PDB file of all heavy atoms in Angstrom:
ATOM      1  N   ALA A   1     -17.248   6.067 -14.967  1.00  0.00           N
ATOM      2  CA  ALA A   1     -18.118   4.910 -14.875  1.00  0.00           C
ATOM      3  C   ALA A   1     -17.942   4.184 -13.562  1.00  0.00           C
ATOM      4  O   ALA A   1     -16.882   4.255 -12.881  1.00  0.00           O
ATOM      5  CB  ALA A   1     -17.833   3.957 -16.035  1.00  0.00           C
ATOM      6  N   ARG A   2     -18.965   3.475 -13.177  1.00  0.00           N
ATOM      7  CA  ARG A   2     -18.907   2.618 -11.960  1.00  0.00           C
ATOM      8  C   ARG A   2     -17.910   1.490 -12.218  1.00  0.00           C
ATOM      9  O   ARG A   2     -17.842   0.880 -13.258  1.00  0.00           O
ATOM     10  CB  ARG A   2     -20.263   2.039 -11.649  1.00  0.00           C
ATOM     11  CG  ARG A   2     -20.339   1.258 -10.385  1.00  0.00           C
ATOM     12  CD  ARG A   2     -21.792   0.743 -10.193  1.00  0.00           C
ATOM     13  NE  ARG A   2     -21.956  -0.142  -9.078  1.00  0.00           N
ATOM     14  CZ  ARG A   2     -22.203   0.320  -7.847  1.00  0.00           C
ATOM     15  NH1 ARG A   2     -22.361   1.541  -7.578  1.00  0.00           N
ATOM     16  NH2 ARG A   2     -22.304  -0.582  -6.806  1.00  0.00           N
ATOM     17  N   VAL A   3     -17.056   1.242 -11.214  1.00  0.00           N
ATOM     18  CA  VAL A   3     -16.027   0.248 -11.265  1.00  0.00           C
ATOM     19  C   VAL A   3     -16.653  -1.177 -11.156  1.00  0.00           C
ATOM     20  O   VAL A   3     -17.392  -1.454 -10.206  1.00  0.00           O
ATOM     21  CB  VAL A   3     -14.930   0.398 -10.193  1.00  0.00           C
ATOM     22  CG1 VAL A   3     -13.908  -0.737 -10.241  1.00  0.00           C
ATOM     23  CG2 VAL A   3     -14.225   1.768 -10.380  1.00  0.00           C
ATOM     24  N   THR A   4     -16.342  -2.011 -12.117  1.00  0.00           N
ATOM     25  CA  THR A   4     -16.771  -3.368 -12.066  1.00  0.00           C
ATOM     26  C   THR A   4     -15.532  -4.294 -12.048  1.00  0.00           C
ATOM     27  O   THR A   4     -14.650  -4.119 -12.953  1.00  0.00           O
ATOM     28  CB  THR A   4     -17.684  -3.768 -13.214  1.00  0.00           C
ATOM     29  OG1 THR A   4     -17.035  -3.445 -14.443  1.00  0.00           O
ATOM     30  CG2 THR A   4     -18.969  -2.934 -13.161  1.00  0.00           C
ATOM     31  N   SER A   5     -15.427  -5.289 -11.192  1.00  0.00           N
ATOM     32  CA  SER A   5     -14.295  -6.120 -11.145  1.00  0.00           C
ATOM     33  C   SER A   5     -14.656  -7.396 -10.358  1.00  0.00           C
ATOM     34  O   SER A   5     -15.423  -7.371  -9.371  1.00  0.00           O
ATOM     35  CB  SER A   5     -13.139  -5.418 -10.482  1.00  0.00           C
ATOM     36  OG  SER A   5     -12.065  -6.259 -10.229  1.00  0.00           O
ATOM     37  N   GLU A   6     -14.032  -8.508 -10.737  1.00  0.00           N
ATOM     38  CA  GLU A   6     -14.190  -9.750 -10.008  1.00  0.00           C
ATOM     39  C   GLU A   6     -13.111 -10.010  -8.988  1.00  0.00           C
ATOM     40  O   GLU A   6     -12.993 -11.080  -8.422  1.00  0.00           O
ATOM     41  CB  GLU A   6     -14.221 -10.970 -11.001  1.00  0.00           C
ATOM     42  CG  GLU A   6     -15.321 -10.900 -12.087  1.00  0.00           C
ATOM     43  CD  GLU A   6     -16.704 -10.898 -11.407  1.00  0.00           C
ATOM     44  OE1 GLU A   6     -16.889 -11.691 -10.444  1.00  0.00           O
ATOM     45  OE2 GLU A   6     -17.624 -10.171 -11.866  1.00  0.00           O
ATOM     46  N   LEU A   7     -12.289  -8.963  -8.754  1.00  0.00           N
ATOM     47  CA  LEU A   7     -11.177  -9.104  -7.869  1.00  0.00           C
ATOM     48  C   LEU A   7     -11.631  -9.481  -6.436  1.00  0.00           C
ATOM     49  O   LEU A   7     -12.593  -8.920  -5.940  1.00  0.00           O
ATOM     50  CB  LEU A   7     -10.386  -7.798  -7.780  1.00  0.00           C
ATOM     51  CG  LEU A   7      -9.140  -7.791  -6.913  1.00  0.00           C
ATOM     52  CD1 LEU A   7      -8.043  -8.627  -7.510  1.00  0.00           C
ATOM     53  CD2 LEU A   7      -8.676  -6.327  -6.691  1.00  0.00           C
ATOM     54  N   ARG A   8     -10.889 -10.389  -5.831  1.00  0.00           N
ATOM     55  CA  ARG A   8     -11.110 -10.759  -4.380  1.00  0.00           C
ATOM     56  C   ARG A   8      -9.757 -10.698  -3.707  1.00  0.00           C
ATOM     57  O   ARG A   8      -8.768 -11.240  -4.267  1.00  0.00           O
ATOM     58  CB  ARG A   8     -11.772 -12.101  -4.255  1.00  0.00           C
ATOM     59  CG  ARG A   8     -13.166 -12.233  -4.873  1.00  0.00           C
ATOM     60  CD  ARG A   8     -14.125 -11.359  -4.107  1.00  0.00           C
ATOM     61  NE  ARG A   8     -15.528 -11.538  -4.659  1.00  0.00           N
ATOM     62  CZ  ARG A   8     -16.021 -10.799  -5.621  1.00  0.00           C
ATOM     63  NH1 ARG A   8     -15.284  -9.786  -6.126  1.00  0.00           N
ATOM     64  NH2 ARG A   8     -17.296 -10.917  -6.013  1.00  0.00           N
ATOM     65  N   VAL A   9      -9.714 -10.169  -2.555  1.00  0.00           N
ATOM     66  CA  VAL A   9      -8.447 -10.014  -1.793  1.00  0.00           C
ATOM     67  C   VAL A   9      -8.650 -10.537  -0.365  1.00  0.00           C
ATOM     68  O   VAL A   9      -9.666 -10.180   0.316  1.00  0.00           O
ATOM     69  CB  VAL A   9      -7.999  -8.557  -1.741  1.00  0.00           C
ATOM     70  CG1 VAL A   9      -6.651  -8.438  -1.106  1.00  0.00           C
ATOM     71  CG2 VAL A   9      -7.985  -7.938  -3.142  1.00  0.00           C
ATOM     72  N   ALA A  10      -7.754 -11.328   0.093  1.00  0.00           N
ATOM     73  CA  ALA A  10      -7.792 -11.823   1.483  1.00  0.00           C
ATOM     74  C   ALA A  10      -7.494 -10.696   2.499  1.00  0.00           C
ATOM     75  O   ALA A  10      -6.633  -9.854   2.224  1.00  0.00           O
ATOM     76  CB  ALA A  10      -6.765 -12.950   1.697  1.00  0.00           C
ATOM     77  N   GLY A  11      -8.216 -10.714   3.599  1.00  0.00           N
ATOM     78  CA  GLY A  11      -7.988  -9.706   4.659  1.00  0.00           C
ATOM     79  C   GLY A  11      -6.599  -9.603   5.156  1.00  0.00           C
ATOM     80  O   GLY A  11      -6.076  -8.548   5.421  1.00  0.00           O
ATOM     81  N   ASP A  12      -5.926 -10.758   5.268  1.00  0.00           N
ATOM     82  CA  ASP A  12      -4.570 -10.766   5.835  1.00  0.00           C
ATOM     83  C   ASP A  12      -3.575 -10.168   4.799  1.00  0.00           C
ATOM     84  O   ASP A  12      -2.540  -9.593   5.200  1.00  0.00           O
ATOM     85  CB  ASP A  12      -4.130 -12.120   6.239  1.00  0.00           C
ATOM     86  CG  ASP A  12      -4.230 -13.195   5.155  1.00  0.00           C
ATOM     87  OD1 ASP A  12      -4.759 -12.871   4.082  1.00  0.00           O
ATOM     88  OD2 ASP A  12      -3.763 -14.331   5.376  1.00  0.00           O
ATOM     89  N   VAL A  13      -3.936 -10.234   3.517  1.00  0.00           N
ATOM     90  CA  VAL A  13      -3.120  -9.587   2.508  1.00  0.00           C
ATOM     91  C   VAL A  13      -3.193  -8.090   2.629  1.00  0.00           C
ATOM     92  O   VAL A  13      -2.196  -7.326   2.606  1.00  0.00           O
ATOM     93  CB  VAL A  13      -3.544 -10.022   1.086  1.00  0.00           C
ATOM     94  CG1 VAL A  13      -2.867  -9.148  -0.004  1.00  0.00           C
ATOM     95  CG2 VAL A  13      -3.205 -11.476   0.819  1.00  0.00           C
ATOM     96  N   ILE A  14      -4.425  -7.553   2.821  1.00  0.00           N
ATOM     97  CA  ILE A  14      -4.629  -6.124   3.072  1.00  0.00           C
ATOM     98  C   ILE A  14      -3.865  -5.670   4.269  1.00  0.00           C
ATOM     99  O   ILE A  14      -3.186  -4.622   4.232  1.00  0.00           O
ATOM    100  CB  ILE A  14      -6.109  -5.785   3.169  1.00  0.00           C
ATOM    101  CG1 ILE A  14      -6.918  -6.146   1.922  1.00  0.00           C
ATOM    102  CG2 ILE A  14      -6.299  -4.302   3.532  1.00  0.00           C
ATOM    103  CD1 ILE A  14      -6.559  -5.288   0.691  1.00  0.00           C
ATOM    104  N   SER A  15      -3.947  -6.427   5.322  1.00  0.00           N
ATOM    105  CA  SER A  15      -3.291  -6.052   6.572  1.00  0.00           C
ATOM    106  C   SER A  15      -1.733  -5.904   6.421  1.00  0.00           C
ATOM    107  O   SER A  15      -1.084  -5.153   7.148  1.00  0.00           O
ATOM    108  CB  SER A  15      -3.597  -7.042   7.690  1.00  0.00           C
ATOM    109  OG  SER A  15      -4.964  -7.051   7.984  1.00  0.00           O
ATOM    110  N   ALA A  16      -1.180  -6.674   5.466  1.00  0.00           N
ATOM    111  CA  ALA A  16       0.277  -6.660   5.286  1.00  0.00           C
ATOM    112  C   ALA A  16       0.738  -5.513   4.412  1.00  0.00           C
ATOM    113  O   ALA A  16       1.973  -5.268   4.269  1.00  0.00           O
ATOM    114  CB  ALA A  16       0.709  -7.997   4.702  1.00  0.00           C
ATOM    115  N   LEU A  17      -0.186  -4.840   3.704  1.00  0.00           N
ATOM    116  CA  LEU A  17       0.194  -3.857   2.704  1.00  0.00           C
ATOM    117  C   LEU A  17       0.938  -2.621   3.279  1.00  0.00           C
ATOM    118  O   LEU A  17       1.859  -2.107   2.633  1.00  0.00           O
ATOM    119  CB  LEU A  17      -1.012  -3.402   1.869  1.00  0.00           C
ATOM    120  CG  LEU A  17      -1.639  -4.473   0.975  1.00  0.00           C
ATOM    121  CD1 LEU A  17      -2.726  -3.888   0.123  1.00  0.00           C
ATOM    122  CD2 LEU A  17      -0.597  -5.166   0.128  1.00  0.00           C
ATOM    123  N   PRO A  18       0.475  -2.054   4.449  1.00  0.00           N
ATOM    124  CA  PRO A  18       1.199  -0.892   4.933  1.00  0.00           C
ATOM    125  C   PRO A  18       2.670  -1.102   5.166  1.00  0.00           C
ATOM    126  O   PRO A  18       3.483  -0.235   4.839  1.00  0.00           O
ATOM    127  CB  PRO A  18       0.450  -0.609   6.285  1.00  0.00           C
ATOM    128  CG  PRO A  18      -0.890  -1.145   6.096  1.00  0.00           C
ATOM    129  CD  PRO A  18      -0.698  -2.389   5.260  1.00  0.00           C
ATOM    130  N   GLU A  19       3.073  -2.264   5.697  1.00  0.00           N
ATOM    131  CA  GLU A  19       4.451  -2.539   5.933  1.00  0.00           C
ATOM    132  C   GLU A  19       5.214  -2.687   4.615  1.00  0.00           C
ATOM    133  O   GLU A  19       6.349  -2.201   4.464  1.00  0.00           O
ATOM    134  CB  GLU A  19       4.640  -3.824   6.729  1.00  0.00           C
ATOM    135  CG  GLU A  19       6.066  -4.181   7.060  1.00  0.00           C
ATOM    136  CD  GLU A  19       6.210  -5.418   7.865  1.00  0.00           C
ATOM    137  OE1 GLU A  19       5.183  -6.029   8.288  1.00  0.00           O
ATOM    138  OE2 GLU A  19       7.375  -5.855   8.057  1.00  0.00           O
ATOM    139  N   ARG A  20       4.559  -3.327   3.650  1.00  0.00           N
ATOM    140  CA  ARG A  20       5.231  -3.444   2.312  1.00  0.00           C
ATOM    141  C   ARG A  20       5.327  -2.101   1.610  1.00  0.00           C
ATOM    142  O   ARG A  20       6.322  -1.829   0.910  1.00  0.00           O
ATOM    143  CB  ARG A  20       4.413  -4.430   1.469  1.00  0.00           C
ATOM    144  CG  ARG A  20       4.446  -5.830   2.006  1.00  0.00           C
ATOM    145  CD  ARG A  20       3.605  -6.831   1.236  1.00  0.00           C
ATOM    146  NE  ARG A  20       3.569  -8.111   1.895  1.00  0.00           N
ATOM    147  CZ  ARG A  20       2.902  -9.126   1.484  1.00  0.00           C
ATOM    148  NH1 ARG A  20       2.147  -9.059   0.383  1.00  0.00           N
ATOM    149  NH2 ARG A  20       2.917 -10.310   2.166  1.00  0.00           N
ATOM    150  N   LEU A  21       4.331  -1.248   1.821  1.00  0.00           N
ATOM    151  CA  LEU A  21       4.418   0.090   1.245  1.00  0.00           C
ATOM    152  C   LEU A  21       5.526   0.883   1.894  1.00  0.00           C
ATOM    153  O   LEU A  21       6.357   1.539   1.207  1.00  0.00           O
ATOM    154  CB  LEU A  21       3.039   0.808   1.447  1.00  0.00           C
ATOM    155  CG  LEU A  21       2.979   2.212   0.870  1.00  0.00           C
ATOM    156  CD1 LEU A  21       3.084   2.245  -0.687  1.00  0.00           C
ATOM    157  CD2 LEU A  21       1.660   2.878   1.314  1.00  0.00           C
ATOM    158  N   ARG A  22       5.622   0.856   3.230  1.00  0.00           N
ATOM    159  CA  ARG A  22       6.638   1.559   3.928  1.00  0.00           C
ATOM    160  C   ARG A  22       8.022   1.104   3.560  1.00  0.00           C
ATOM    161  O   ARG A  22       8.973   1.871   3.421  1.00  0.00           O
ATOM    162  CB  ARG A  22       6.359   1.435   5.465  1.00  0.00           C
ATOM    163  CG  ARG A  22       7.424   2.099   6.324  1.00  0.00           C
ATOM    164  CD  ARG A  22       7.368   3.619   6.228  1.00  0.00           C
ATOM    165  NE  ARG A  22       8.322   4.232   7.130  1.00  0.00           N
ATOM    166  CZ  ARG A  22       8.062   4.566   8.376  1.00  0.00           C
ATOM    167  NH1 ARG A  22       6.826   4.309   8.889  1.00  0.00           N
ATOM    168  NH2 ARG A  22       8.965   5.112   9.125  1.00  0.00           N
ATOM    169  N   HIS A  23       8.147  -0.168   3.382  1.00  0.00           N
ATOM    170  CA  HIS A  23       9.463  -0.778   3.049  1.00  0.00           C
ATOM    171  C   HIS A  23       9.961  -0.245   1.675  1.00  0.00           C
ATOM    172  O   HIS A  23      11.193  -0.110   1.452  1.00  0.00           O
ATOM    173  CB  HIS A  23       9.404  -2.291   2.989  1.00  0.00           C
ATOM    174  CG  HIS A  23      10.698  -2.961   2.651  1.00  0.00           C
ATOM    175  ND1 HIS A  23      11.757  -3.011   3.593  1.00  0.00           N
ATOM    176  CD2 HIS A  23      11.114  -3.585   1.535  1.00  0.00           C
ATOM    177  CE1 HIS A  23      12.743  -3.666   3.013  1.00  0.00           C
ATOM    178  NE2 HIS A  23      12.421  -4.016   1.771  1.00  0.00           N
ATOM    179  N   ALA A  24       9.010   0.088   0.804  1.00  0.00           N
ATOM    180  CA  ALA A  24       9.394   0.611  -0.528  1.00  0.00           C
ATOM    181  C   ALA A  24       9.586   2.124  -0.574  1.00  0.00           C
ATOM    182  O   ALA A  24       9.922   2.665  -1.623  1.00  0.00           O
ATOM    183  CB  ALA A  24       8.311   0.160  -1.565  1.00  0.00           C
ATOM    184  N   GLN A  25       9.295   2.798   0.532  1.00  0.00           N
ATOM    185  CA  GLN A  25       9.401   4.265   0.542  1.00  0.00           C
ATOM    186  C   GLN A  25      10.808   4.725   0.870  1.00  0.00           C
ATOM    187  O   GLN A  25      11.146   5.052   1.972  1.00  0.00           O
ATOM    188  CB  GLN A  25       8.460   4.839   1.630  1.00  0.00           C
ATOM    189  CG  GLN A  25       6.983   4.721   1.272  1.00  0.00           C
ATOM    190  CD  GLN A  25       6.065   5.329   2.344  1.00  0.00           C
ATOM    191  OE1 GLN A  25       5.376   4.623   3.100  1.00  0.00           O
ATOM    192  NE2 GLN A  25       6.083   6.662   2.446  1.00  0.00           N
ATOM    193  N   LYS A  26      11.657   4.704  -0.141  1.00  0.00           N
ATOM    194  CA  LYS A  26      13.040   5.050   0.035  1.00  0.00           C
ATOM    195  C   LYS A  26      13.270   6.527   0.431  1.00  0.00           C
ATOM    196  O   LYS A  26      14.079   6.795   1.254  1.00  0.00           O
ATOM    197  CB  LYS A  26      13.849   4.803  -1.288  1.00  0.00           C
ATOM    198  CG  LYS A  26      13.632   3.320  -1.824  1.00  0.00           C
ATOM    199  CD  LYS A  26      14.092   2.290  -0.773  1.00  0.00           C
ATOM    200  CE  LYS A  26      13.952   0.869  -1.305  1.00  0.00           C
ATOM    201  NZ  LYS A  26      14.293  -0.139  -0.267  1.00  0.00           N
ATOM    202  N   LEU A  27      12.522   7.452  -0.197  1.00  0.00           N
ATOM    203  CA  LEU A  27      12.675   8.799   0.092  1.00  0.00           C
ATOM    204  C   LEU A  27      12.116   9.167   1.507  1.00  0.00           C
ATOM    205  O   LEU A  27      12.614   9.985   2.213  1.00  0.00           O
ATOM    206  CB  LEU A  27      12.019   9.695  -0.926  1.00  0.00           C
ATOM    207  CG  LEU A  27      12.618   9.630  -2.346  1.00  0.00           C
ATOM    208  CD1 LEU A  27      11.797  10.506  -3.291  1.00  0.00           C
ATOM    209  CD2 LEU A  27      14.082  10.091  -2.300  1.00  0.00           C
ATOM    210  N   PHE A  28      11.066   8.480   1.905  1.00  0.00           N
ATOM    211  CA  PHE A  28      10.508   8.696   3.263  1.00  0.00           C
ATOM    212  C   PHE A  28      11.524   8.316   4.332  1.00  0.00           C
ATOM    213  O   PHE A  28      11.641   8.999   5.348  1.00  0.00           O
ATOM    214  CB  PHE A  28       9.216   7.848   3.427  1.00  0.00           C
ATOM    215  CG  PHE A  28       8.570   8.074   4.778  1.00  0.00           C
ATOM    216  CD1 PHE A  28       7.693   9.122   5.009  1.00  0.00           C
ATOM    217  CD2 PHE A  28       8.880   7.236   5.867  1.00  0.00           C
ATOM    218  CE1 PHE A  28       7.133   9.323   6.249  1.00  0.00           C
ATOM    219  CE2 PHE A  28       8.312   7.431   7.096  1.00  0.00           C
ATOM    220  CZ  PHE A  28       7.435   8.476   7.323  1.00  0.00           C
ATOM    221  N   GLU A  29      12.261   7.296   4.088  1.00  0.00           N
ATOM    222  CA  GLU A  29      13.293   6.820   5.069  1.00  0.00           C
ATOM    223  C   GLU A  29      14.308   7.917   5.226  1.00  0.00           C
ATOM    224  O   GLU A  29      14.901   8.074   6.312  1.00  0.00           O
ATOM    225  CB  GLU A  29      13.920   5.524   4.600  1.00  0.00           C
ATOM    226  CG  GLU A  29      13.015   4.297   4.626  1.00  0.00           C
ATOM    227  CD  GLU A  29      12.540   3.994   6.021  1.00  0.00           C
ATOM    228  OE1 GLU A  29      13.391   4.186   7.021  1.00  0.00           O
ATOM    229  OE2 GLU A  29      11.398   3.588   6.237  1.00  0.00           O
ATOM    230  N   GLN A  30      14.584   8.670   4.165  1.00  0.00           N
ATOM    231  CA  GLN A  30      15.591   9.715   4.237  1.00  0.00           C
ATOM    232  C   GLN A  30      15.084  11.057   4.811  1.00  0.00           C
ATOM    233  O   GLN A  30      15.800  11.784   5.407  1.00  0.00           O
ATOM    234  CB  GLN A  30      16.190   9.968   2.863  1.00  0.00           C
ATOM    235  CG  GLN A  30      16.827   8.783   2.230  1.00  0.00           C
ATOM    236  CD  GLN A  30      17.265   9.042   0.809  1.00  0.00           C
ATOM    237  OE1 GLN A  30      17.682  10.140   0.474  1.00  0.00           O
ATOM    238  NE2 GLN A  30      17.219   8.026  -0.020  1.00  0.00           N
ATOM    239  N   THR A  31      13.785  11.345   4.582  1.00  0.00           N
ATOM    240  CA  THR A  31      13.292  12.646   4.925  1.00  0.00           C
ATOM    241  C   THR A  31      12.146  12.638   5.924  1.00  0.00           C
ATOM    242  O   THR A  31      11.948  13.637   6.672  1.00  0.00           O
ATOM    243  CB  THR A  31      12.720  13.323   3.658  1.00  0.00           C
ATOM    244  OG1 THR A  31      11.583  12.610   3.156  1.00  0.00           O
ATOM    245  CG2 THR A  31      13.790  13.391   2.546  1.00  0.00           C
ATOM    246  N   GLY A  32      11.367  11.575   5.990  1.00  0.00           N
ATOM    247  CA  GLY A  32      10.268  11.470   6.901  1.00  0.00           C
ATOM    248  C   GLY A  32       9.109  12.438   6.550  1.00  0.00           C
ATOM    249  O   GLY A  32       8.209  12.673   7.348  1.00  0.00           O
ATOM    250  N   GLY A  33       9.095  12.967   5.302  1.00  0.00           N
ATOM    251  CA  GLY A  33       8.170  13.936   4.917  1.00  0.00           C
ATOM    252  C   GLY A  33       7.393  13.740   3.611  1.00  0.00           C
ATOM    253  O   GLY A  33       7.070  14.725   2.951  1.00  0.00           O
ATOM    254  N   LEU A  34       7.152  12.474   3.252  1.00  0.00           N
ATOM    255  CA  LEU A  34       6.511  12.194   2.017  1.00  0.00           C
ATOM    256  C   LEU A  34       5.382  11.241   2.124  1.00  0.00           C
ATOM    257  O   LEU A  34       5.425  10.272   2.951  1.00  0.00           O
ATOM    258  CB  LEU A  34       7.526  11.641   0.986  1.00  0.00           C
ATOM    259  CG  LEU A  34       8.589  12.544   0.517  1.00  0.00           C
ATOM    260  CD1 LEU A  34       9.658  11.820  -0.298  1.00  0.00           C
ATOM    261  CD2 LEU A  34       8.021  13.685  -0.388  1.00  0.00           C
ATOM    262  N   HIS A  35       4.359  11.386   1.334  1.00  0.00           N
ATOM    263  CA  HIS A  35       3.231  10.441   1.222  1.00  0.00           C
ATOM    264  C   HIS A  35       3.649   9.402   0.169  1.00  0.00           C
ATOM    265  O   HIS A  35       4.532   9.635  -0.638  1.00  0.00           O
ATOM    266  CB  HIS A  35       1.909  11.089   0.810  1.00  0.00           C
ATOM    267  CG  HIS A  35       1.338  11.995   1.868  1.00  0.00           C
ATOM    268  ND1 HIS A  35       0.700  11.466   2.971  1.00  0.00           N
ATOM    269  CD2 HIS A  35       1.322  13.344   1.989  1.00  0.00           C
ATOM    270  CE1 HIS A  35       0.291  12.475   3.679  1.00  0.00           C
ATOM    271  NE2 HIS A  35       0.610  13.593   3.163  1.00  0.00           N
ATOM    272  N   ALA A  36       2.883   8.271   0.159  1.00  0.00           N
ATOM    273  CA  ALA A  36       3.186   7.274  -0.850  1.00  0.00           C
ATOM    274  C   ALA A  36       1.893   6.620  -1.293  1.00  0.00           C
ATOM    275  O   ALA A  36       0.849   6.602  -0.602  1.00  0.00           O
ATOM    276  CB  ALA A  36       4.087   6.162  -0.213  1.00  0.00           C
TER     277      ALA A  36
END
């Protein structure tokens, strides 16, 4: 089905997500070879 949602997200929140994702990538820090 088509996704329906009232969610709104600030652009600066989106911009901060890659760093927060990378910070949580524990196995990537050890291997450098994983997606998240």
